[in-house]
């Protein structure tokens, strides 16, 4: 009979993965909720698609960075770079900071 020893899985622990993808879903839900409360928020379908793509790709990048065979500091640096890049692209799409 063999013993069932748990194997360490690379990447994010399940609780962090749930927090990441739940947070992304929450960020996407905020404009939909705000549109019901105020006329100042007016997102169309294309806005939700762009935000879902941007946030989804960032989430996938963070998952890949967590699975990379790098030191912790390098994985954190890659994750930070991904989040900063996403924020800059989001700001450019929202208000055109480079115009």
PDB file of N, CA and C in Angstrom:
ATOM      1  N   UNK A   1       0.843  -1.165   0.000  1.00  0.00           N
ATOM      2  CA  UNK A   1       0.000   0.000   0.000  1.00  0.00           C
ATOM      3  C   UNK A   1       0.895   1.237   0.000  1.00  0.00           C
ATOM      4  N   UNK A   2       0.583   2.197  -0.834  1.00  0.00           N
ATOM      5  CA  UNK A   2       1.393   3.408  -0.926  1.00  0.00           C
ATOM      6  C   UNK A   2       0.764   4.505  -0.077  1.00  0.00           C
ATOM      7  N   UNK A   3       1.618   5.343   0.437  1.00  0.00           N
ATOM      8  CA  UNK A   3       1.104   6.459   1.234  1.00  0.00           C
ATOM      9  C   UNK A   3       0.771   7.622   0.316  1.00  0.00           C
ATOM     10  N   UNK A   4      -0.255   8.324   0.654  1.00  0.00           N
ATOM     11  CA  UNK A   4      -0.695   9.469  -0.134  1.00  0.00           C
ATOM     12  C   UNK A   4      -0.104  10.749   0.460  1.00  0.00           C
ATOM     13  N   UNK A   5       1.116  11.064   0.094  1.00  0.00           N
ATOM     14  CA  UNK A   5       1.723  12.298   0.570  1.00  0.00           C
ATOM     15  C   UNK A   5       1.319  13.423  -0.365  1.00  0.00           C
ATOM     16  N   UNK A   6       0.937  14.554   0.199  1.00  0.00           N
ATOM     17  CA  UNK A   6       0.528  15.669  -0.660  1.00  0.00           C
ATOM     18  C   UNK A   6       1.717  16.199  -1.458  1.00  0.00           C
ATOM     19  N   UNK A   7       1.458  16.498  -2.701  1.00  0.00           N
ATOM     20  CA  UNK A   7       2.475  17.038  -3.588  1.00  0.00           C
ATOM     21  C   UNK A   7       2.291  18.545  -3.649  1.00  0.00           C
ATOM     22  N   UNK A   8       3.381  19.269  -3.464  1.00  0.00           N
ATOM     23  CA  UNK A   8       3.303  20.728  -3.528  1.00  0.00           C
ATOM     24  C   UNK A   8       3.012  21.147  -4.964  1.00  0.00           C
ATOM     25  N   UNK A   9       1.944  21.910  -5.135  1.00  0.00           N
ATOM     26  CA  UNK A   9       1.585  22.395  -6.460  1.00  0.00           C
ATOM     27  C   UNK A   9       2.200  23.763  -6.671  1.00  0.00           C
ATOM     28  N   UNK A  10       2.743  24.002  -7.844  1.00  0.00           N
ATOM     29  CA  UNK A  10       3.299  25.325  -8.106  1.00  0.00           C
ATOM     30  C   UNK A  10       2.197  26.353  -8.265  1.00  0.00           C
ATOM     31  N   UNK A  11       2.546  27.582  -8.058  1.00  0.00           N
ATOM     32  CA  UNK A  11       1.584  28.650  -8.273  1.00  0.00           C
ATOM     33  C   UNK A  11       0.935  29.131  -6.992  1.00  0.00           C
ATOM     34  N   UNK A  12      -0.193  29.771  -7.174  1.00  0.00           N
ATOM     35  CA  UNK A  12      -0.904  30.368  -6.054  1.00  0.00           C
ATOM     36  C   UNK A  12      -1.627  29.310  -5.226  1.00  0.00           C
ATOM     37  N   UNK A  13      -1.651  29.483  -3.914  1.00  0.00           N
ATOM     38  CA  UNK A  13      -2.497  28.607  -3.102  1.00  0.00           C
ATOM     39  C   UNK A  13      -3.967  28.858  -3.456  1.00  0.00           C
ATOM     40  N   UNK A  14      -4.828  27.868  -3.216  1.00  0.00           N
ATOM     41  CA  UNK A  14      -6.241  28.028  -3.605  1.00  0.00           C
ATOM     42  C   UNK A  14      -6.912  29.273  -3.033  1.00  0.00           C
ATOM     43  N   UNK A  15      -6.590  29.648  -1.816  1.00  0.00           N
ATOM     44  CA  UNK A  15      -7.230  30.836  -1.241  1.00  0.00           C
ATOM     45  C   UNK A  15      -6.788  32.109  -1.968  1.00  0.00           C
ATOM     46  N   UNK A  16      -5.527  32.188  -2.361  1.00  0.00           N
ATOM     47  CA  UNK A  16      -5.045  33.352  -3.117  1.00  0.00           C
ATOM     48  C   UNK A  16      -5.631  33.377  -4.517  1.00  0.00           C
ATOM     49  N   UNK A  17      -5.761  32.195  -5.123  1.00  0.00           N
ATOM     50  CA  UNK A  17      -6.351  32.117  -6.465  1.00  0.00           C
ATOM     51  C   UNK A  17      -7.802  32.585  -6.426  1.00  0.00           C
ATOM     52  N   UNK A  18      -8.535  32.153  -5.403  1.00  0.00           N
ATOM     53  CA  UNK A  18      -9.919  32.595  -5.238  1.00  0.00           C
ATOM     54  C   UNK A  18      -9.986  34.102  -5.030  1.00  0.00           C
ATOM     55  N   UNK A  19      -9.075  34.650  -4.239  1.00  0.00           N
ATOM     56  CA  UNK A  19      -9.044  36.094  -4.008  1.00  0.00           C
ATOM     57  C   UNK A  19      -8.720  36.849  -5.295  1.00  0.00           C
ATOM     58  N   UNK A  20      -7.795  36.340  -6.081  1.00  0.00           N
ATOM     59  CA  UNK A  20      -7.415  36.996  -7.342  1.00  0.00           C
ATOM     60  C   UNK A  20      -8.595  37.050  -8.299  1.00  0.00           C
ATOM     61  N   UNK A  21      -9.177  35.892  -8.593  1.00  0.00           N
ATOM     62  CA  UNK A  21     -10.245  35.854  -9.585  1.00  0.00           C
ATOM     63  C   UNK A  21     -11.550  36.436  -9.043  1.00  0.00           C
ATOM     64  N   UNK A  22     -11.776  36.306  -7.747  1.00  0.00           N
ATOM     65  CA  UNK A  22     -12.937  36.963  -7.142  1.00  0.00           C
ATOM     66  C   UNK A  22     -12.800  38.476  -7.164  1.00  0.00           C
ATOM     67  N   UNK A  23     -11.580  38.958  -6.932  1.00  0.00           N
ATOM     68  CA  UNK A  23     -11.320  40.399  -7.006  1.00  0.00           C
ATOM     69  C   UNK A  23     -11.518  40.937  -8.411  1.00  0.00           C
ATOM     70  N   UNK A  24     -11.076  40.174  -9.403  1.00  0.00           N
ATOM     71  CA  UNK A  24     -11.274  40.585 -10.795  1.00  0.00           C
ATOM     72  C   UNK A  24     -12.765  40.648 -11.121  1.00  0.00           C
ATOM     73  N   UNK A  25     -13.510  39.644 -10.691  1.00  0.00           N
ATOM     74  CA  UNK A  25     -14.967  39.665 -10.919  1.00  0.00           C
ATOM     75  C   UNK A  25     -15.609  40.841 -10.194  1.00  0.00           C
ATOM     76  N   UNK A  26     -15.131  41.132  -8.992  1.00  0.00           N
ATOM     77  CA  UNK A  26     -15.662  42.266  -8.241  1.00  0.00           C
ATOM     78  C   UNK A  26     -15.393  43.599  -8.916  1.00  0.00           C
ATOM     79  N   UNK A  27     -14.177  43.752  -9.444  1.00  0.00           N
ATOM     80  CA  UNK A  27     -13.835  44.995 -10.150  1.00  0.00           C
ATOM     81  C   UNK A  27     -14.709  45.154 -11.388  1.00  0.00           C
ATOM     82  N   UNK A  28     -14.999  44.052 -12.075  1.00  0.00           N
ATOM     83  CA  UNK A  28     -15.884  44.134 -13.239  1.00  0.00           C
ATOM     84  C   UNK A  28     -17.332  44.413 -12.842  1.00  0.00           C
ATOM     85  N   UNK A  29     -17.732  43.985 -11.658  1.00  0.00           N
ATOM     86  CA  UNK A  29     -19.108  44.206 -11.214  1.00  0.00           C
ATOM     87  C   UNK A  29     -19.341  45.634 -10.731  1.00  0.00           C
ATOM     88  N   UNK A  30     -18.295  46.315 -10.276  1.00  0.00           N
ATOM     89  CA  UNK A  30     -18.460  47.677  -9.744  1.00  0.00           C
ATOM     90  C   UNK A  30     -19.072  48.655 -10.749  1.00  0.00           C
ATOM     91  N   UNK A  31     -18.586  48.728 -11.996  1.00  0.00           N
ATOM     92  CA  UNK A  31     -19.227  49.660 -12.935  1.00  0.00           C
ATOM     93  C   UNK A  31     -20.680  49.288 -13.235  1.00  0.00           C
ATOM     94  N   UNK A  32     -20.967  47.986 -13.292  1.00  0.00           N
ATOM     95  CA  UNK A  32     -22.348  47.570 -13.539  1.00  0.00           C
ATOM     96  C   UNK A  32     -23.256  48.029 -12.404  1.00  0.00           C
ATOM     97  N   UNK A  33     -22.783  47.926 -11.182  1.00  0.00           N
ATOM     98  CA  UNK A  33     -23.544  48.402 -10.031  1.00  0.00           C
ATOM     99  C   UNK A  33     -23.650  49.924 -10.044  1.00  0.00           C
ATOM    100  N   UNK A  34     -22.549  50.594 -10.346  1.00  0.00           N
ATOM    101  CA  UNK A  34     -22.553  52.057 -10.368  1.00  0.00           C
ATOM    102  C   UNK A  34     -23.484  52.595 -11.440  1.00  0.00           C
ATOM    103  N   UNK A  35     -23.615  51.883 -12.561  1.00  0.00           N
ATOM    104  CA  UNK A  35     -24.521  52.324 -13.615  1.00  0.00           C
ATOM    105  C   UNK A  35     -25.972  52.318 -13.146  1.00  0.00           C
ATOM    106  N   UNK A  36     -26.296  51.457 -12.182  1.00  0.00           N
ATOM    107  CA  UNK A  36     -27.655  51.411 -11.648  1.00  0.00           C
ATOM    108  C   UNK A  36     -27.926  52.545 -10.663  1.00  0.00           C
ATOM    109  N   UNK A  37     -26.861  53.097 -10.083  1.00  0.00           N
ATOM    110  CA  UNK A  37     -27.008  54.104  -9.037  1.00  0.00           C
ATOM    111  C   UNK A  37     -26.835  55.535  -9.511  1.00  0.00           C
ATOM    112  N   UNK A  38     -26.052  55.733 -10.571  1.00  0.00           N
ATOM    113  CA  UNK A  38     -25.787  57.099 -11.016  1.00  0.00           C
ATOM    114  C   UNK A  38     -25.677  57.141 -12.539  1.00  0.00           C
ATOM    115  N   UNK A  39     -26.143  58.227 -13.156  1.00  0.00           N
ATOM    116  CA  UNK A  39     -26.009  58.342 -14.618  1.00  0.00           C
ATOM    117  C   UNK A  39     -24.603  58.754 -15.059  1.00  0.00           C
ATOM    118  N   UNK A  40     -23.723  59.065 -14.108  1.00  0.00           N
ATOM    119  CA  UNK A  40     -22.371  59.490 -14.458  1.00  0.00           C
ATOM    120  C   UNK A  40     -21.508  58.338 -14.964  1.00  0.00           C
ATOM    121  N   UNK A  41     -21.873  57.126 -14.609  1.00  0.00           N
ATOM    122  CA  UNK A  41     -21.151  55.951 -15.102  1.00  0.00           C
ATOM    123  C   UNK A  41     -21.952  55.393 -16.265  1.00  0.00           C
ATOM    124  N   UNK A  42     -21.324  55.363 -17.434  1.00  0.00           N
ATOM    125  CA  UNK A  42     -22.035  54.933 -18.634  1.00  0.00           C
ATOM    126  C   UNK A  42     -21.120  54.034 -19.456  1.00  0.00           C
ATOM    127  N   UNK A  43     -21.037  52.778 -19.067  1.00  0.00           N
ATOM    128  CA  UNK A  43     -20.218  51.817 -19.791  1.00  0.00           C
ATOM    129  C   UNK A  43     -21.078  51.093 -20.815  1.00  0.00           C
ATOM    130  N   UNK A  44     -20.487  50.831 -21.973  1.00  0.00           N
ATOM    131  CA  UNK A  44     -21.133  50.010 -22.984  1.00  0.00           C
ATOM    132  C   UNK A  44     -20.542  48.609 -22.973  1.00  0.00           C
ATOM    133  N   UNK A  45     -21.054  47.774 -23.831  1.00  0.00           N
ATOM    134  CA  UNK A  45     -20.573  46.397 -23.917  1.00  0.00           C
ATOM    135  C   UNK A  45     -19.077  46.359 -24.229  1.00  0.00           C
ATOM    136  N   UNK A  46     -18.638  47.242 -25.128  1.00  0.00           N
ATOM    137  CA  UNK A  46     -17.215  47.257 -25.498  1.00  0.00           C
ATOM    138  C   UNK A  46     -16.326  47.629 -24.314  1.00  0.00           C
ATOM    139  N   UNK A  47     -16.820  48.459 -23.420  1.00  0.00           N
ATOM    140  CA  UNK A  47     -16.056  48.812 -22.222  1.00  0.00           C
ATOM    141  C   UNK A  47     -15.879  47.607 -21.303  1.00  0.00           C
ATOM    142  N   UNK A  48     -16.953  46.841 -21.127  1.00  0.00           N
ATOM    143  CA  UNK A  48     -16.871  45.644 -20.290  1.00  0.00           C
ATOM    144  C   UNK A  48     -15.972  44.589 -20.918  1.00  0.00           C
ATOM    145  N   UNK A  49     -16.027  44.457 -22.233  1.00  0.00           N
ATOM    146  CA  UNK A  49     -15.169  43.491 -22.924  1.00  0.00           C
ATOM    147  C   UNK A  49     -13.706  43.889 -22.782  1.00  0.00           C
ATOM    148  N   UNK A  50     -13.399  45.184 -22.970  1.00  0.00           N
ATOM    149  CA  UNK A  50     -12.024  45.652 -22.829  1.00  0.00           C
ATOM    150  C   UNK A  50     -11.521  45.458 -21.402  1.00  0.00           C
ATOM    151  N   UNK A  51     -12.353  45.791 -20.414  1.00  0.00           N
ATOM    152  CA  UNK A  51     -11.945  45.634 -19.014  1.00  0.00           C
ATOM    153  C   UNK A  51     -11.760  44.158 -18.668  1.00  0.00           C
ATOM    154  N   UNK A  52     -12.653  43.298 -19.142  1.00  0.00           N
ATOM    155  CA  UNK A  52     -12.532  41.861 -18.870  1.00  0.00           C
ATOM    156  C   UNK A  52     -11.269  41.302 -19.507  1.00  0.00           C
ATOM    157  N   UNK A  53     -10.969  41.729 -20.721  1.00  0.00           N
ATOM    158  CA  UNK A  53      -9.744  41.275 -21.384  1.00  0.00           C
ATOM    159  C   UNK A  53      -8.498  41.740 -20.654  1.00  0.00           C
ATOM    160  N   UNK A  54      -8.482  43.005 -20.287  1.00  0.00           N
ATOM    161  CA  UNK A  54      -7.324  43.562 -19.594  1.00  0.00           C
ATOM    162  C   UNK A  54      -7.118  42.913 -18.234  1.00  0.00           C
ATOM    163  N   UNK A  55      -8.186  42.794 -17.465  1.00  0.00           N
ATOM    164  CA  UNK A  55      -8.083  42.173 -16.147  1.00  0.00           C
ATOM    165  C   UNK A  55      -7.805  40.678 -16.247  1.00  0.00           C
ATOM    166  N   UNK A  56      -8.421  40.013 -17.212  1.00  0.00           N
ATOM    167  CA  UNK A  56      -8.197  38.582 -17.392  1.00  0.00           C
ATOM    168  C   UNK A  56      -6.764  38.269 -17.785  1.00  0.00           C
ATOM    169  N   UNK A  57      -6.222  39.046 -18.719  1.00  0.00           N
ATOM    170  CA  UNK A  57      -4.828  38.830 -19.114  1.00  0.00           C
ATOM    171  C   UNK A  57      -3.870  39.134 -17.974  1.00  0.00           C
ATOM    172  N   UNK A  58      -4.185  40.144 -17.186  1.00  0.00           N
ATOM    173  CA  UNK A  58      -3.357  40.442 -16.018  1.00  0.00           C
ATOM    174  C   UNK A  58      -3.427  39.296 -15.016  1.00  0.00           C
ATOM    175  N   UNK A  59      -4.617  38.762 -14.787  1.00  0.00           N
ATOM    176  CA  UNK A  59      -4.772  37.623 -13.883  1.00  0.00           C
ATOM    177  C   UNK A  59      -3.996  36.405 -14.365  1.00  0.00           C
ATOM    178  N   UNK A  60      -4.071  36.134 -15.667  1.00  0.00           N
ATOM    179  CA  UNK A  60      -3.304  35.016 -16.216  1.00  0.00           C
ATOM    180  C   UNK A  60      -1.804  35.252 -16.070  1.00  0.00           C
ATOM    181  N   UNK A  61      -1.381  36.488 -16.293  1.00  0.00           N
ATOM    182  CA  UNK A  61       0.039  36.813 -16.116  1.00  0.00           C
ATOM    183  C   UNK A  61       0.492  36.621 -14.677  1.00  0.00           C
ATOM    184  N   UNK A  62      -0.365  37.006 -13.737  1.00  0.00           N
ATOM    185  CA  UNK A  62      -0.029  36.801 -12.323  1.00  0.00           C
ATOM    186  C   UNK A  62       0.028  35.318 -11.979  1.00  0.00           C
ATOM    187  N   UNK A  63      -0.887  34.531 -12.545  1.00  0.00           N
ATOM    188  CA  UNK A  63      -0.842  33.080 -12.341  1.00  0.00           C
ATOM    189  C   UNK A  63       0.460  32.504 -12.896  1.00  0.00           C
ATOM    190  N   UNK A  64       0.850  32.939 -14.085  1.00  0.00           N
ATOM    191  CA  UNK A  64       2.084  32.440 -14.686  1.00  0.00           C
ATOM    192  C   UNK A  64       3.312  32.882 -13.897  1.00  0.00           C
ATOM    193  N   UNK A  65       3.289  34.117 -13.404  1.00  0.00           N
ATOM    194  CA  UNK A  65       4.414  34.594 -12.598  1.00  0.00           C
ATOM    195  C   UNK A  65       4.532  33.785 -11.315  1.00  0.00           C
ATOM    196  N   UNK A  66       3.409  33.418 -10.722  1.00  0.00           N
ATOM    197  CA  UNK A  66       3.443  32.624  -9.498  1.00  0.00           C
ATOM    198  C   UNK A  66       3.980  31.217  -9.755  1.00  0.00           C
ATOM    199  N   UNK A  67       3.777  30.694 -10.958  1.00  0.00           N
ATOM    200  CA  UNK A  67       4.244  29.355 -11.294  1.00  0.00           C
ATOM    201  C   UNK A  67       5.674  29.330 -11.812  1.00  0.00           C
ATOM    202  N   UNK A  68       6.224  30.494 -12.134  1.00  0.00           N
ATOM    203  CA  UNK A  68       7.573  30.556 -12.704  1.00  0.00           C
ATOM    204  C   UNK A  68       8.605  30.048 -11.703  1.00  0.00           C
ATOM    205  N   UNK A  69       9.621  29.443 -12.216  1.00  0.00           N
ATOM    206  CA  UNK A  69      10.690  28.928 -11.365  1.00  0.00           C
ATOM    207  C   UNK A  69      11.729  30.033 -11.159  1.00  0.00           C
ATOM    208  N   UNK A  70      11.307  31.042 -10.452  1.00  0.00           N
ATOM    209  CA  UNK A  70      12.162  32.180 -10.116  1.00  0.00           C
ATOM    210  C   UNK A  70      12.171  32.340  -8.611  1.00  0.00           C
ATOM    211  N   UNK A  71      13.116  33.151  -8.139  1.00  0.00           N
ATOM    212  CA  UNK A  71      13.100  33.462  -6.713  1.00  0.00           C
ATOM    213  C   UNK A  71      11.867  34.296  -6.398  1.00  0.00           C
ATOM    214  N   UNK A  72      11.507  34.308  -5.131  1.00  0.00           N
ATOM    215  CA  UNK A  72      10.313  35.028  -4.700  1.00  0.00           C
ATOM    216  C   UNK A  72      10.383  36.500  -5.081  1.00  0.00           C
ATOM    217  N   UNK A  73      11.534  37.126  -4.899  1.00  0.00           N
ATOM    218  CA  UNK A  73      11.648  38.557  -5.224  1.00  0.00           C
ATOM    219  C   UNK A  73      11.435  38.804  -6.715  1.00  0.00           C
ATOM    220  N   UNK A  74      11.913  37.900  -7.556  1.00  0.00           N
ATOM    221  CA  UNK A  74      11.716  38.061  -8.997  1.00  0.00           C
ATOM    222  C   UNK A  74      10.246  37.884  -9.359  1.00  0.00           C
ATOM    223  N   UNK A  75       9.584  36.895  -8.742  1.00  0.00           N
ATOM    224  CA  UNK A  75       8.150  36.704  -9.011  1.00  0.00           C
ATOM    225  C   UNK A  75       7.343  37.910  -8.555  1.00  0.00           C
ATOM    226  N   UNK A  76       7.700  38.470  -7.397  1.00  0.00           N
ATOM    227  CA  UNK A  76       7.006  39.666  -6.916  1.00  0.00           C
ATOM    228  C   UNK A  76       7.248  40.857  -7.844  1.00  0.00           C
ATOM    229  N   UNK A  77       8.463  40.989  -8.359  1.00  0.00           N
ATOM    230  CA  UNK A  77       8.777  42.090  -9.277  1.00  0.00           C
ATOM    231  C   UNK A  77       7.983  41.948 -10.576  1.00  0.00           C
ATOM    232  N   UNK A  78       7.889  40.730 -11.092  1.00  0.00           N
ATOM    233  CA  UNK A  78       7.112  40.499 -12.311  1.00  0.00           C
ATOM    234  C   UNK A  78       5.637  40.804 -12.047  1.00  0.00           C
ATOM    235  N   UNK A  79       5.118  40.354 -10.911  1.00  0.00           N
ATOM    236  CA  UNK A  79       3.724  40.638 -10.568  1.00  0.00           C
ATOM    237  C   UNK A  79       3.458  42.124 -10.442  1.00  0.00           C
ATOM    238  N   UNK A  80       4.371  42.836  -9.791  1.00  0.00           N
ATOM    239  CA  UNK A  80       4.214  44.288  -9.643  1.00  0.00           C
ATOM    240  C   UNK A  80       4.252  44.979 -11.008  1.00  0.00           C
ATOM    241  N   UNK A  81       5.154  44.539 -11.877  1.00  0.00           N
ATOM    242  CA  UNK A  81       5.244  45.121 -13.217  1.00  0.00           C
ATOM    243  C   UNK A  81       3.953  44.882 -14.002  1.00  0.00           C
ATOM    244  N   UNK A  82       3.378  43.698 -13.852  1.00  0.00           N
ATOM    245  CA  UNK A  82       2.112  43.408 -14.530  1.00  0.00           C
ATOM    246  C   UNK A  82       0.987  44.312 -14.036  1.00  0.00           C
ATOM    247  N   UNK A  83       0.905  44.487 -12.736  1.00  0.00           N
ATOM    248  CA  UNK A  83      -0.164  45.319 -12.167  1.00  0.00           C
ATOM    249  C   UNK A  83       0.013  46.783 -12.563  1.00  0.00           C
ATOM    250  N   UNK A  84       1.246  47.285 -12.536  1.00  0.00           N
ATOM    251  CA  UNK A  84       1.501  48.677 -12.928  1.00  0.00           C
ATOM    252  C   UNK A  84       1.181  48.871 -14.411  1.00  0.00           C
ATOM    253  N   UNK A  85       1.585  47.920 -15.248  1.00  0.00           N
ATOM    254  CA  UNK A  85       1.292  48.019 -16.679  1.00  0.00           C
ATOM    255  C   UNK A  85      -0.212  48.017 -16.922  1.00  0.00           C
ATOM    256  N   UNK A  86      -0.933  47.144 -16.212  1.00  0.00           N
ATOM    257  CA  UNK A  86      -2.384  47.114 -16.352  1.00  0.00           C
ATOM    258  C   UNK A  86      -2.999  48.454 -15.932  1.00  0.00           C
ATOM    259  N   UNK A  87      -2.507  49.035 -14.849  1.00  0.00           N
ATOM    260  CA  UNK A  87      -3.049  50.312 -14.373  1.00  0.00           C
ATOM    261  C   UNK A  87      -2.792  51.435 -15.376  1.00  0.00           C
ATOM    262  N   UNK A  88      -1.616  51.452 -15.989  1.00  0.00           N
ATOM    263  CA  UNK A  88      -1.298  52.490 -16.976  1.00  0.00           C
ATOM    264  C   UNK A  88      -2.175  52.330 -18.218  1.00  0.00           C
ATOM    265  N   UNK A  89      -2.339  51.100 -18.687  1.00  0.00           N
ATOM    266  CA  UNK A  89      -3.195  50.870 -19.852  1.00  0.00           C
ATOM    267  C   UNK A  89      -4.639  51.238 -19.526  1.00  0.00           C
ATOM    268  N   UNK A  90      -5.110  50.872 -18.334  1.00  0.00           N
ATOM    269  CA  UNK A  90      -6.486  51.208 -17.923  1.00  0.00           C
ATOM    270  C   UNK A  90      -6.662  52.735 -17.906  1.00  0.00           C
ATOM    271  N   UNK A  91      -5.702  53.448 -17.337  1.00  0.00           N
ATOM    272  CA  UNK A  91      -5.791  54.908 -17.277  1.00  0.00           C
ATOM    273  C   UNK A  91      -5.764  55.517 -18.676  1.00  0.00           C
ATOM    274  N   UNK A  92      -4.953  54.969 -19.557  1.00  0.00           N
ATOM    275  CA  UNK A  92      -4.906  55.473 -20.926  1.00  0.00           C
ATOM    276  C   UNK A  92      -6.242  55.249 -21.627  1.00  0.00           C
ATOM    277  N   UNK A  93      -6.822  54.081 -21.449  1.00  0.00           N
ATOM    278  CA  UNK A  93      -8.122  53.816 -22.065  1.00  0.00           C
ATOM    279  C   UNK A  93      -9.219  54.682 -21.458  1.00  0.00           C
ATOM    280  N   UNK A  94      -9.117  54.978 -20.175  1.00  0.00           N
ATOM    281  CA  UNK A  94     -10.174  55.743 -19.494  1.00  0.00           C
ATOM    282  C   UNK A  94     -10.120  57.229 -19.823  1.00  0.00           C
ATOM    283  N   UNK A  95      -8.941  57.826 -19.726  1.00  0.00           N
ATOM    284  CA  UNK A  95      -8.871  59.281 -19.860  1.00  0.00           C
ATOM    285  C   UNK A  95      -7.805  59.755 -20.825  1.00  0.00           C
ATOM    286  N   UNK A  96      -7.041  58.876 -21.430  1.00  0.00           N
ATOM    287  CA  UNK A  96      -6.040  59.293 -22.391  1.00  0.00           C
ATOM    288  C   UNK A  96      -4.893  60.068 -21.769  1.00  0.00           C
ATOM    289  N   UNK A  97      -4.167  59.470 -20.840  1.00  0.00           N
ATOM    290  CA  UNK A  97      -3.109  60.193 -20.122  1.00  0.00           C
ATOM    291  C   UNK A  97      -1.941  60.556 -21.021  1.00  0.00           C
ATOM    292  N   UNK A  98      -1.786  59.913 -22.171  1.00  0.00           N
ATOM    293  CA  UNK A  98      -0.661  60.193 -23.054  1.00  0.00           C
ATOM    294  C   UNK A  98      -1.021  61.157 -24.173  1.00  0.00           C
ATOM    295  N   UNK A  99      -2.235  61.665 -24.186  1.00  0.00           N
ATOM    296  CA  UNK A  99      -2.640  62.615 -25.235  1.00  0.00           C
ATOM    297  C   UNK A  99      -2.235  64.024 -24.888  1.00  0.00           C
TER     298      UNK A  99
END
